[in-house]
Amino acid sequence: MTASRTRPERLWHRPFRRSDRRCAAPEGRGARLPALTDGPYRTVRPHPPAARPAGQAPEAPSRLSPPDGPDLLLRPAGPADRAAALAMHGRCSPASLRLRYHGPVRDAGRYLDHLLDARHGRSYAVTAPDGRIVALGHLMWDDGEAELAVLVEDAWQRRGLGLAVLRRLSAAARAAGVRTVYAVTHGTNTGLIAAMRGLDAPLDFHPEDGTLVITATLSAGDPAGCAHHPGR
């Protein structure tokens, strides 16, 4: 649904460059991430993880009730979900993958290892009653900001899942002390644009050569954890 804006070692093809921002690397080290498309590698650097207060229980899943389908679960995702996440990628159309990754995807499995690692951000999955993942979202640390990215399986699009995931990702950003989140996509991606507007946060739109960077400024009162709004 969205793509990265890192520079100049960008992971996906895009013309936009804002600042020398990179996602997190483990244990304070720099790292090079494999390219999903035909672009080069990118360099990453660490972001301090948000600590869970002592005695606080792990985050519980929440129930989603789409208007025309079974109840779903929105829950944290991690390395154990790699196989199910990869299977969902296989069920997505080339068009959906192109909107998410800004180009044809070569090997999503290589990068899911990084995306699903909690040292680099936060991930959430929407699962069907049979356990299949039908939507997957990531919050990726980027200095004092964080990047949002969501992929919704084609058969489950336009049911509010994308917005539900974006709101949960934004809540995780606020919990980590991050107040600025952004998504990068094609200017024609009306589903993501509508979902970002559903965050009920001030937005900044920066179009450049077909790429659109949407930046949201979160506040402590933003209802980012609410999951019952229309979206992608």
C-alpha atoms as a PDB file:
ATOM      1  CA  MET A   1       0.000   0.000   0.000  1.00  0.00           C
ATOM      2  CA  THR A   2       2.921   2.313   0.651  1.00  0.00           C
ATOM      3  CA  ALA A   3       6.617   2.454  -0.110  1.00  0.00           C
ATOM      4  CA  SER A   4       9.741   3.765   1.578  1.00  0.00           C
ATOM      5  CA  ARG A   5      11.142   7.265   1.165  1.00  0.00           C
ATOM      6  CA  THR A   6      14.691   6.690   2.463  1.00  0.00           C
ATOM      7  CA  ARG A   7      17.522   8.343   0.555  1.00  0.00           C
ATOM      8  CA  PRO A   8      19.763   7.872  -1.343  1.00  0.00           C
ATOM      9  CA  GLU A   9      20.002   4.124  -0.812  1.00  0.00           C
ATOM     10  CA  ARG A  10      16.265   3.776  -1.435  1.00  0.00           C
ATOM     11  CA  LEU A  11      14.708   0.362  -1.324  1.00  0.00           C
ATOM     12  CA  TRP A  12      11.958   1.045  -3.863  1.00  0.00           C
ATOM     13  CA  HIS A  13      12.014   3.345  -6.905  1.00  0.00           C
ATOM     14  CA  ARG A  14      10.631   6.813  -6.194  1.00  0.00           C
ATOM     15  CA  PRO A  15      11.711  10.381  -6.942  1.00  0.00           C
ATOM     16  CA  PHE A  16      10.929  11.880  -3.523  1.00  0.00           C
ATOM     17  CA  ARG A  17      13.802  12.729  -1.160  1.00  0.00           C
ATOM     18  CA  ARG A  18      13.263  14.642   2.071  1.00  0.00           C
ATOM     19  CA  SER A  19      16.125  14.001   4.472  1.00  0.00           C
ATOM     20  CA  ASP A  20      18.687  11.360   5.296  1.00  0.00           C
ATOM     21  CA  ARG A  21      16.307   9.178   7.280  1.00  0.00           C
ATOM     22  CA  ARG A  22      16.687   5.441   7.758  1.00  0.00           C
ATOM     23  CA  CYS A  23      14.858   2.649   9.501  1.00  0.00           C
ATOM     24  CA  ALA A  24      16.236   0.833  12.519  1.00  0.00           C
ATOM     25  CA  ALA A  25      19.144  -1.572  12.702  1.00  0.00           C
ATOM     26  CA  PRO A  26      19.661  -4.129  15.482  1.00  0.00           C
ATOM     27  CA  GLU A  27      22.043  -3.559  18.390  1.00  0.00           C
ATOM     28  CA  GLY A  28      23.121  -0.093  17.268  1.00  0.00           C
ATOM     29  CA  ARG A  29      24.751  -1.283  14.054  1.00  0.00           C
ATOM     30  CA  GLY A  30      24.284  -0.075  10.520  1.00  0.00           C
ATOM     31  CA  ALA A  31      22.896  -2.638   8.105  1.00  0.00           C
ATOM     32  CA  ARG A  32      22.029  -3.101   4.431  1.00  0.00           C
ATOM     33  CA  LEU A  33      18.578  -4.372   3.548  1.00  0.00           C
ATOM     34  CA  PRO A  34      17.830  -6.477   0.458  1.00  0.00           C
ATOM     35  CA  ALA A  35      15.998  -4.685  -2.336  1.00  0.00           C
ATOM     36  CA  LEU A  36      12.515  -5.980  -3.126  1.00  0.00           C
ATOM     37  CA  THR A  37      12.378  -4.382  -6.560  1.00  0.00           C
ATOM     38  CA  ASP A  38      15.124  -3.476  -9.016  1.00  0.00           C
ATOM     39  CA  GLY A  39      16.428  -0.633  -6.820  1.00  0.00           C
ATOM     40  CA  PRO A  40      19.655  -0.687  -4.769  1.00  0.00           C
ATOM     41  CA  TYR A  41      20.148  -1.564  -1.145  1.00  0.00           C
ATOM     42  CA  ARG A  42      19.527   0.958   1.608  1.00  0.00           C
ATOM     43  CA  THR A  43      21.416   1.669   4.811  1.00  0.00           C
ATOM     44  CA  VAL A  44      19.583   1.501   8.139  1.00  0.00           C
ATOM     45  CA  ARG A  45      20.411   2.752  11.617  1.00  0.00           C
ATOM     46  CA  PRO A  46      18.993   2.183  15.096  1.00  0.00           C
ATOM     47  CA  HIS A  47      16.008   3.724  16.840  1.00  0.00           C
ATOM     48  CA  PRO A  48      15.548   3.296  20.606  1.00  0.00           C
ATOM     49  CA  PRO A  49      12.697   0.816  21.230  1.00  0.00           C
ATOM     50  CA  ALA A  50       9.777   1.825  23.420  1.00  0.00           C
ATOM     51  CA  ALA A  51       9.925   0.060  26.749  1.00  0.00           C
ATOM     52  CA  ARG A  52       6.808  -1.615  28.124  1.00  0.00           C
ATOM     53  CA  PRO A  53       6.027  -0.430  31.652  1.00  0.00           C
ATOM     54  CA  ALA A  54       6.807  -2.995  34.328  1.00  0.00           C
ATOM     55  CA  GLY A  55       3.929  -5.362  34.923  1.00  0.00           C
ATOM     56  CA  GLN A  56       2.047  -4.348  31.780  1.00  0.00           C
ATOM     57  CA  ALA A  57       0.594  -7.312  29.906  1.00  0.00           C
ATOM     58  CA  PRO A  58       1.333  -7.879  26.202  1.00  0.00           C
ATOM     59  CA  GLU A  59      -1.010  -6.073  23.854  1.00  0.00           C
ATOM     60  CA  ALA A  60      -4.268  -7.969  23.397  1.00  0.00           C
ATOM     61  CA  PRO A  61      -5.938  -8.512  20.004  1.00  0.00           C
ATOM     62  CA  SER A  62      -9.067  -6.572  19.126  1.00  0.00           C
ATOM     63  CA  ARG A  63     -12.094  -7.742  17.186  1.00  0.00           C
ATOM     64  CA  LEU A  64     -13.085  -6.179  13.867  1.00  0.00           C
ATOM     65  CA  SER A  65     -16.572  -6.567  12.419  1.00  0.00           C
ATOM     66  CA  PRO A  66     -16.596  -5.778   8.677  1.00  0.00           C
ATOM     67  CA  PRO A  67     -20.022  -4.884   7.260  1.00  0.00           C
ATOM     68  CA  ASP A  68     -20.120  -7.907   4.947  1.00  0.00           C
ATOM     69  CA  GLY A  69     -18.021 -10.704   6.362  1.00  0.00           C
ATOM     70  CA  PRO A  70     -16.999 -12.683   9.444  1.00  0.00           C
ATOM     71  CA  ASP A  71     -15.421 -11.118  12.511  1.00  0.00           C
ATOM     72  CA  LEU A  72     -11.660 -10.680  12.252  1.00  0.00           C
ATOM     73  CA  LEU A  73      -8.846 -10.222  14.767  1.00  0.00           C
ATOM     74  CA  LEU A  74      -6.342  -7.347  14.718  1.00  0.00           C
ATOM     75  CA  ARG A  75      -3.270  -8.379  16.675  1.00  0.00           C
ATOM     76  CA  PRO A  76       0.474  -7.765  16.963  1.00  0.00           C
ATOM     77  CA  ALA A  77       2.553  -9.681  14.433  1.00  0.00           C
ATOM     78  CA  GLY A  78       6.092 -11.000  14.651  1.00  0.00           C
ATOM     79  CA  PRO A  79       8.606 -13.424  13.148  1.00  0.00           C
ATOM     80  CA  ALA A  80       6.312 -16.410  13.761  1.00  0.00           C
ATOM     81  CA  ASP A  81       3.881 -14.890  11.234  1.00  0.00           C
ATOM     82  CA  ARG A  82       6.384 -14.846   8.367  1.00  0.00           C
ATOM     83  CA  ALA A  83       4.962 -17.871   6.525  1.00  0.00           C
ATOM     84  CA  ALA A  84       1.361 -16.643   6.774  1.00  0.00           C
ATOM     85  CA  ALA A  85       2.410 -13.135   5.720  1.00  0.00           C
ATOM     86  CA  LEU A  86       4.277 -14.518   2.730  1.00  0.00           C
ATOM     87  CA  ALA A  87       1.225 -16.603   1.769  1.00  0.00           C
ATOM     88  CA  MET A  88      -0.902 -13.440   1.865  1.00  0.00           C
ATOM     89  CA  HIS A  89       1.551 -11.736  -0.492  1.00  0.00           C
ATOM     90  CA  GLY A  90       1.049 -14.649  -2.851  1.00  0.00           C
ATOM     91  CA  ARG A  91      -2.717 -14.048  -2.884  1.00  0.00           C
ATOM     92  CA  CYS A  92      -2.363 -10.317  -3.619  1.00  0.00           C
ATOM     93  CA  SER A  93      -2.580  -9.007  -7.161  1.00  0.00           C
ATOM     94  CA  PRO A  94       0.450  -7.410  -8.862  1.00  0.00           C
ATOM     95  CA  ALA A  95      -1.408  -4.083  -8.722  1.00  0.00           C
ATOM     96  CA  SER A  96      -1.834  -4.242  -4.936  1.00  0.00           C
ATOM     97  CA  LEU A  97       1.803  -5.235  -4.447  1.00  0.00           C
ATOM     98  CA  ARG A  98       2.920  -2.407  -6.728  1.00  0.00           C
ATOM     99  CA  LEU A  99       0.996   0.144  -4.658  1.00  0.00           C
ATOM    100  CA  ARG A 100       2.545  -1.240  -1.471  1.00  0.00           C
ATOM    101  CA  TYR A 101       6.136  -1.569  -2.694  1.00  0.00           C
ATOM    102  CA  HIS A 102       6.281   0.971  -5.534  1.00  0.00           C
ATOM    103  CA  GLY A 103       7.308  -1.614  -8.067  1.00  0.00           C
ATOM    104  CA  PRO A 104       7.154  -5.325  -8.921  1.00  0.00           C
ATOM    105  CA  VAL A 105       8.201  -7.422  -5.929  1.00  0.00           C
ATOM    106  CA  ARG A 106      11.068  -9.845  -6.404  1.00  0.00           C
ATOM    107  CA  ASP A 107      11.232 -11.669  -3.076  1.00  0.00           C
ATOM    108  CA  ALA A 108       9.011 -10.349  -0.280  1.00  0.00           C
ATOM    109  CA  GLY A 109      10.126 -13.127   2.044  1.00  0.00           C
ATOM    110  CA  ARG A 110      13.637 -11.710   2.299  1.00  0.00           C
ATOM    111  CA  TYR A 111      12.357  -8.393   3.621  1.00  0.00           C
ATOM    112  CA  LEU A 112       9.596  -9.726   5.873  1.00  0.00           C
ATOM    113  CA  ASP A 113      12.330 -10.938   8.230  1.00  0.00           C
ATOM    114  CA  HIS A 114      13.206  -7.288   8.842  1.00  0.00           C
ATOM    115  CA  LEU A 115       9.669  -5.887   8.874  1.00  0.00           C
ATOM    116  CA  LEU A 116       8.440  -8.429  11.419  1.00  0.00           C
ATOM    117  CA  ASP A 117      11.382  -7.873  13.796  1.00  0.00           C
ATOM    118  CA  ALA A 118      10.257  -5.734  16.760  1.00  0.00           C
ATOM    119  CA  ARG A 119      13.704  -4.139  16.970  1.00  0.00           C
ATOM    120  CA  HIS A 120      12.917  -2.185  13.809  1.00  0.00           C
ATOM    121  CA  GLY A 121       9.345  -1.114  14.500  1.00  0.00           C
ATOM    122  CA  ARG A 122       5.935  -2.619  15.139  1.00  0.00           C
ATOM    123  CA  SER A 123       3.800  -4.914  12.983  1.00  0.00           C
ATOM    124  CA  TYR A 124       0.101  -5.813  13.135  1.00  0.00           C
ATOM    125  CA  ALA A 125      -1.885  -8.456  11.282  1.00  0.00           C
ATOM    126  CA  VAL A 126      -5.583  -8.885  10.616  1.00  0.00           C
ATOM    127  CA  THR A 127      -6.494 -12.565  10.671  1.00  0.00           C
ATOM    128  CA  ALA A 128      -9.564 -14.415   9.401  1.00  0.00           C
ATOM    129  CA  PRO A 129     -11.347 -17.111  11.464  1.00  0.00           C
ATOM    130  CA  ASP A 130      -9.246 -19.802   9.732  1.00  0.00           C
ATOM    131  CA  GLY A 131      -6.017 -18.071  10.781  1.00  0.00           C
ATOM    132  CA  ARG A 132      -5.105 -16.618   7.399  1.00  0.00           C
ATOM    133  CA  ILE A 133      -3.566 -13.145   7.430  1.00  0.00           C
ATOM    134  CA  VAL A 134      -5.673 -10.846   5.242  1.00  0.00           C
ATOM    135  CA  ALA A 135      -3.998  -7.515   6.090  1.00  0.00           C
ATOM    136  CA  LEU A 136      -0.557  -6.604   7.356  1.00  0.00           C
ATOM    137  CA  GLY A 137       0.789  -3.266   8.554  1.00  0.00           C
ATOM    138  CA  HIS A 138       4.167  -2.003   9.697  1.00  0.00           C
ATOM    139  CA  LEU A 139       5.408   0.965  11.713  1.00  0.00           C
ATOM    140  CA  MET A 140       9.072   1.562  10.846  1.00  0.00           C
ATOM    141  CA  TRP A 141      11.245   3.827  12.998  1.00  0.00           C
ATOM    142  CA  ASP A 142      12.748   6.749  11.077  1.00  0.00           C
ATOM    143  CA  ASP A 143      14.726   8.964  13.464  1.00  0.00           C
ATOM    144  CA  GLY A 144      12.110  10.987  15.372  1.00  0.00           C
ATOM    145  CA  GLU A 145       9.365   9.972  12.948  1.00  0.00           C
ATOM    146  CA  ALA A 146       7.924   6.660  11.791  1.00  0.00           C
ATOM    147  CA  GLU A 147       6.782   5.318   8.444  1.00  0.00           C
ATOM    148  CA  LEU A 148       3.416   3.583   8.056  1.00  0.00           C
ATOM    149  CA  ALA A 149       2.848   0.845   5.484  1.00  0.00           C
ATOM    150  CA  VAL A 150      -0.183  -1.395   4.950  1.00  0.00           C
ATOM    151  CA  LEU A 151      -1.028  -4.223   2.575  1.00  0.00           C
ATOM    152  CA  VAL A 152      -4.598  -5.557   2.376  1.00  0.00           C
ATOM    153  CA  GLU A 153      -5.403  -8.708   0.428  1.00  0.00           C
ATOM    154  CA  ASP A 154      -7.513  -7.881  -2.646  1.00  0.00           C
ATOM    155  CA  ALA A 155     -10.575  -9.844  -1.547  1.00  0.00           C
ATOM    156  CA  TRP A 156     -10.670  -7.869   1.727  1.00  0.00           C
ATOM    157  CA  GLN A 157     -10.121  -4.352   0.440  1.00  0.00           C
ATOM    158  CA  ARG A 158     -12.660  -1.546   0.926  1.00  0.00           C
ATOM    159  CA  ARG A 159     -13.884  -2.987   4.240  1.00  0.00           C
ATOM    160  CA  GLY A 160     -12.090  -0.678   6.654  1.00  0.00           C
ATOM    161  CA  LEU A 161      -9.156  -2.982   7.408  1.00  0.00           C
ATOM    162  CA  GLY A 162      -6.487  -0.574   6.185  1.00  0.00           C
ATOM    163  CA  LEU A 163      -7.735   2.224   8.410  1.00  0.00           C
ATOM    164  CA  ALA A 164      -8.038  -0.143  11.382  1.00  0.00           C
ATOM    165  CA  VAL A 165      -4.393  -1.113  10.957  1.00  0.00           C
ATOM    166  CA  LEU A 166      -3.271   2.501  10.439  1.00  0.00           C
ATOM    167  CA  ARG A 167      -5.008   3.543  13.647  1.00  0.00           C
ATOM    168  CA  ARG A 168      -3.338   0.758  15.621  1.00  0.00           C
ATOM    169  CA  LEU A 169       0.059   1.637  14.118  1.00  0.00           C
ATOM    170  CA  SER A 170      -0.459   5.299  15.005  1.00  0.00           C
ATOM    171  CA  ALA A 171      -1.355   4.340  18.573  1.00  0.00           C
ATOM    172  CA  ALA A 172       1.886   2.352  18.776  1.00  0.00           C
ATOM    173  CA  ALA A 173       3.796   5.387  17.494  1.00  0.00           C
ATOM    174  CA  ARG A 174       2.273   7.607  20.190  1.00  0.00           C
ATOM    175  CA  ALA A 175       3.115   5.028  22.850  1.00  0.00           C
ATOM    176  CA  ALA A 176       6.740   5.178  21.674  1.00  0.00           C
ATOM    177  CA  GLY A 177       6.768   8.963  21.920  1.00  0.00           C
ATOM    178  CA  VAL A 178       6.566   9.511  18.147  1.00  0.00           C
ATOM    179  CA  ARG A 179       4.177  12.241  17.028  1.00  0.00           C
ATOM    180  CA  THR A 180       4.953  12.397  13.290  1.00  0.00           C
ATOM    181  CA  VAL A 181       4.100   9.471  11.027  1.00  0.00           C
ATOM    182  CA  TYR A 182       4.062   9.331   7.252  1.00  0.00           C
ATOM    183  CA  ALA A 183       3.118   7.097   4.348  1.00  0.00           C
ATOM    184  CA  VAL A 184       4.539   7.156   0.820  1.00  0.00           C
ATOM    185  CA  THR A 185       2.459   5.976  -2.116  1.00  0.00           C
ATOM    186  CA  HIS A 186       1.270   6.733  -5.639  1.00  0.00           C
ATOM    187  CA  GLY A 187      -0.816   9.873  -6.046  1.00  0.00           C
ATOM    188  CA  THR A 188      -3.613   7.697  -7.476  1.00  0.00           C
ATOM    189  CA  ASN A 189      -3.900   5.490  -4.372  1.00  0.00           C
ATOM    190  CA  THR A 190      -7.285   6.802  -3.248  1.00  0.00           C
ATOM    191  CA  GLY A 191      -7.700   3.982  -0.714  1.00  0.00           C
ATOM    192  CA  LEU A 192      -4.631   4.973   1.288  1.00  0.00           C
ATOM    193  CA  ILE A 193      -5.419   8.681   1.015  1.00  0.00           C
ATOM    194  CA  ALA A 194      -8.910   8.080   2.431  1.00  0.00           C
ATOM    195  CA  ALA A 195      -7.513   5.877   5.198  1.00  0.00           C
ATOM    196  CA  MET A 196      -4.941   8.482   6.222  1.00  0.00           C
ATOM    197  CA  ARG A 197      -7.691  11.091   6.374  1.00  0.00           C
ATOM    198  CA  GLY A 198      -9.573   8.750   8.689  1.00  0.00           C
ATOM    199  CA  LEU A 199      -6.841   9.142  11.313  1.00  0.00           C
ATOM    200  CA  ASP A 200      -8.484  12.463  12.278  1.00  0.00           C
ATOM    201  CA  ALA A 201      -5.046  14.079  12.518  1.00  0.00           C
ATOM    202  CA  PRO A 202      -3.625  17.119  10.671  1.00  0.00           C
ATOM    203  CA  LEU A 203      -2.181  15.954   7.339  1.00  0.00           C
ATOM    204  CA  ASP A 204       0.458  17.350   5.016  1.00  0.00           C
ATOM    205  CA  PHE A 205       0.475  16.210   1.368  1.00  0.00           C
ATOM    206  CA  HIS A 206       3.682  16.459  -0.635  1.00  0.00           C
ATOM    207  CA  PRO A 207       3.256  15.343  -4.281  1.00  0.00           C
ATOM    208  CA  GLU A 208       6.260  14.936  -6.538  1.00  0.00           C
ATOM    209  CA  ASP A 209       6.339  13.221  -9.956  1.00  0.00           C
ATOM    210  CA  GLY A 210       3.513  10.806  -9.181  1.00  0.00           C
ATOM    211  CA  THR A 211       4.709  10.045  -5.633  1.00  0.00           C
ATOM    212  CA  LEU A 212       2.688  11.291  -2.690  1.00  0.00           C
ATOM    213  CA  VAL A 213       4.089  11.613   0.829  1.00  0.00           C
ATOM    214  CA  ILE A 214       1.323  11.972   3.438  1.00  0.00           C
ATOM    215  CA  THR A 215       2.507  13.143   6.855  1.00  0.00           C
ATOM    216  CA  ALA A 216       0.234  13.027   9.905  1.00  0.00           C
ATOM    217  CA  THR A 217       0.899  14.932  13.126  1.00  0.00           C
ATOM    218  CA  LEU A 218      -0.478  12.935  16.037  1.00  0.00           C
ATOM    219  CA  SER A 219      -1.596  14.267  19.393  1.00  0.00           C
ATOM    220  CA  ALA A 220      -2.275  12.512  22.662  1.00  0.00           C
ATOM    221  CA  GLY A 221      -6.010  12.741  21.981  1.00  0.00           C
ATOM    222  CA  ASP A 222      -5.953  11.252  18.483  1.00  0.00           C
ATOM    223  CA  PRO A 223      -8.351   8.263  18.320  1.00  0.00           C
ATOM    224  CA  ALA A 224      -5.754   6.175  16.520  1.00  0.00           C
ATOM    225  CA  GLY A 225      -6.691   2.998  18.318  1.00  0.00           C
ATOM    226  CA  CYS A 226     -10.271   3.049  17.036  1.00  0.00           C
ATOM    227  CA  ALA A 227     -10.843   0.462  14.318  1.00  0.00           C
ATOM    228  CA  HIS A 228     -14.403   0.981  13.164  1.00  0.00           C
ATOM    229  CA  HIS A 229     -14.101   3.431  10.285  1.00  0.00           C
ATOM    230  CA  PRO A 230     -14.268   2.968   6.515  1.00  0.00           C
ATOM    231  CA  GLY A 231     -11.041   2.686   4.617  1.00  0.00           C
ATOM    232  CA  ARG A 232      -8.905   0.323   2.653  1.00  0.00           C
END
